[in-house]
Protein backbone atom coordinates (compact mmCIF):
# COMPACT_ATOMS: atom_id res chain seq x y z
CA UNK A 1 5.26 -15.54 -14.27
CA UNK A 2 4.09 -11.78 -14.13
CA UNK A 3 -0.51 -11.44 -14.70
CA UNK A 4 -1.36 -9.01 -16.97
CA UNK A 5 -2.43 -5.83 -14.38
CA UNK A 6 -5.59 -4.74 -13.26
CA UNK A 7 -7.44 -1.56 -13.75
CA UNK A 8 -7.99 -0.95 -10.15
CA UNK A 9 -5.88 -2.11 -6.69
CA UNK A 10 -6.38 -1.19 -3.48
CA UNK A 11 -3.20 -1.76 -1.50
CA UNK A 12 -3.98 -2.42 2.67
CA UNK A 13 -1.65 -2.32 5.51
CA UNK A 14 -2.07 -2.01 9.50
CA UNK A 15 -2.68 1.88 9.89
CA UNK A 16 -2.37 3.45 6.10
CA UNK A 17 0.48 5.37 6.82
CA UNK A 18 4.17 3.43 6.02
CA UNK A 19 3.49 0.58 4.26
CA UNK A 20 0.47 0.84 1.56
CA UNK A 21 1.13 4.51 0.66
CA UNK A 22 4.08 3.56 -0.10
CA UNK A 23 3.39 0.96 -2.49
CA UNK A 24 0.34 2.94 -3.97
CA UNK A 25 2.90 5.97 -4.63
CA UNK A 26 5.42 3.75 -6.16
CA UNK A 27 2.66 1.44 -8.18
CA UNK A 28 1.53 5.10 -9.62
CA UNK A 29 4.89 5.75 -10.59
CA UNK A 30 5.35 2.76 -12.16
CA UNK A 31 1.92 2.95 -13.81
CA UNK A 32 1.15 6.15 -14.45
CA UNK A 33 -2.48 6.85 -15.04
CA UNK A 34 -2.75 3.28 -16.59
CA UNK A 35 -4.24 1.55 -13.31
CA UNK A 36 -6.08 3.56 -10.62
CA UNK A 37 -4.87 2.90 -7.14
CA UNK A 38 -5.72 3.81 -3.57
CA UNK A 39 -4.47 2.48 -0.10
CA UNK A 40 -6.20 2.27 3.09
CA UNK A 41 -5.22 0.77 6.77
CA UNK A 42 -7.48 -1.82 8.49
CA UNK A 43 -7.41 1.47 11.09
CA UNK A 44 -6.80 5.17 9.93
CA UNK A 45 -5.77 6.33 13.51
CA UNK A 46 -2.10 7.91 12.82
CA UNK A 47 -0.36 10.13 10.23
CA UNK A 48 1.68 9.68 7.40
CA UNK A 49 4.80 8.82 8.75
CA UNK A 50 7.99 11.15 7.99
CA UNK A 51 10.43 8.39 7.09
CA UNK A 52 8.05 7.01 4.09
CA UNK A 53 7.61 10.13 2.82
CA UNK A 54 11.97 10.65 2.75
CA UNK A 55 12.56 7.62 1.16
CA UNK A 56 10.03 8.13 -1.00
CA UNK A 57 10.61 11.57 -1.32
CA UNK A 58 14.51 10.13 -2.76
CA UNK A 59 12.91 8.48 -5.59
CA UNK A 60 10.47 11.09 -6.64
CA UNK A 61 7.49 9.76 -4.93
CA UNK A 62 5.39 12.71 -3.05
CA UNK A 63 3.87 11.62 -0.09
CA UNK A 64 3.12 14.72 2.05
CA UNK A 65 -0.30 15.01 0.82
CA UNK A 66 -0.87 11.45 1.54
CA UNK A 67 -4.76 11.50 3.49
CA UNK A 68 -4.64 8.33 5.63
CA UNK A 69 -7.99 6.46 5.43
CA UNK A 70 -9.01 3.01 6.87
CA UNK A 71 -11.30 0.73 5.39
CA UNK A 72 -13.95 1.58 7.00
CA UNK A 73 -13.45 5.21 5.86
CA UNK A 74 -13.72 3.83 2.48
CA UNK A 75 -16.75 2.72 2.89
CA UNK A 76 -18.12 5.69 4.56
CA UNK A 77 -17.02 7.87 1.53
CA UNK A 78 -18.99 5.64 -0.76
CA UNK A 79 -15.99 3.97 -2.26
CA UNK A 80 -17.30 0.20 -2.23
CA UNK A 81 -14.10 -1.85 -2.62
CA UNK A 82 -15.88 -4.20 -4.76
CA UNK A 83 -15.37 -1.87 -7.31
CA UNK A 84 -11.45 -3.40 -7.43
CA UNK A 85 -10.06 -5.47 -9.37
CA UNK A 86 -7.44 -6.25 -6.77
CA UNK A 87 -6.98 -6.24 -2.80
CA UNK A 88 -3.28 -6.17 -2.04
CA UNK A 89 -2.41 -6.58 1.96
CA UNK A 90 0.74 -6.20 2.96
CA UNK A 91 0.14 -7.13 6.58
CA UNK A 92 -1.76 -10.27 8.64
CA UNK A 93 -4.79 -7.96 10.01
CA UNK A 94 -5.41 -6.61 6.65
CA UNK A 95 -4.91 -9.81 4.46
CA UNK A 96 -8.42 -11.12 6.88
CA UNK A 97 -10.00 -7.87 6.84
CA UNK A 98 -9.76 -7.24 3.18
CA UNK A 99 -10.91 -11.24 2.87
CA UNK A 100 -14.15 -10.19 5.15
CA UNK A 101 -14.96 -7.42 2.97
CA UNK A 102 -14.86 -9.85 0.01
CA UNK A 103 -16.22 -12.83 0.66
CA UNK A 104 -19.39 -12.24 -1.33
CA UNK A 105 -17.10 -10.93 -3.99
CA UNK A 106 -15.24 -12.49 -6.63
CA UNK A 107 -12.53 -10.17 -6.18
CA UNK A 108 -8.87 -10.93 -6.16
CA UNK A 109 -7.08 -10.67 -2.74
CA UNK A 110 -3.26 -10.99 -2.55
CA UNK A 111 -1.49 -11.02 0.62
CA UNK A 112 2.34 -9.57 0.03
CA UNK A 113 4.43 -9.87 3.34
CA UNK A 114 6.01 -7.24 4.12
CA UNK A 115 7.89 -5.85 7.06
CA UNK A 116 6.88 -2.95 9.32
CA UNK A 117 9.65 -0.77 9.75
CA UNK A 118 8.68 2.09 12.30
CA UNK A 119 10.16 0.14 15.18
CA UNK A 120 14.04 -1.08 13.55
CA UNK A 121 16.40 1.41 14.98
CA UNK A 122 17.87 3.87 17.07
CA UNK A 123 19.56 6.46 15.13
CA UNK A 124 18.10 7.91 12.25
CA UNK A 125 20.23 6.66 9.06
CA UNK A 126 18.89 3.20 10.64
CA UNK A 127 15.89 3.74 10.56
CA UNK A 128 16.28 5.38 7.16
CA UNK A 129 18.20 2.05 5.49
CA UNK A 130 14.84 -0.12 7.06
CA UNK A 131 12.72 2.17 5.24
CA UNK A 132 14.47 2.14 2.18
CA UNK A 133 14.60 -1.50 2.39
CA UNK A 134 10.97 -2.12 2.48
CA UNK A 135 10.75 0.89 -0.41
CA UNK A 136 12.78 -1.66 -2.59
CA UNK A 137 10.80 -4.77 -1.67
CA UNK A 138 8.48 -3.12 -2.88
CA UNK A 139 9.23 -1.65 -5.77
CA UNK A 140 10.44 -4.98 -6.97
CA UNK A 141 7.06 -6.83 -6.60
CA UNK A 142 5.55 -4.10 -7.89
CA UNK A 143 7.72 -4.31 -11.26
CA UNK A 144 7.08 -8.06 -11.20
CA UNK A 145 3.49 -8.14 -10.28
CA UNK A 146 2.47 -5.24 -12.70
CA UNK A 147 3.04 -5.41 -16.03
CA UNK A 148 2.63 -1.82 -17.92
């Protein structure tokens, strides 16, 4: 059964270059402006992944201007993590970091285990198939979780 939607969500993964920006874009497409959505990574040391941009563009989600950011960047820029209603961690490292930051706040953290598609496949089409699989997995999870 779906829970009622929060007013603000932070998606997080390892580098904020594949999974969390994809989830951010998908929820924004699904919910419009009814939910404030951001994403972050444990680290912010990579650029947005080109395959992520490509598979999201296929369904009308534009990520080419996504600015990669880490938890530390958010805090440095004055974005209080306790201002989010929900943090959705998409990797074990992100879950640990989210729980570390939220141990002093009454803030919900959900863990959605998701694969990192970047290490799979040799050719472009094989890689694209893995990224599409992730996109569809996240889209289904978002539709099930966020009733808007």
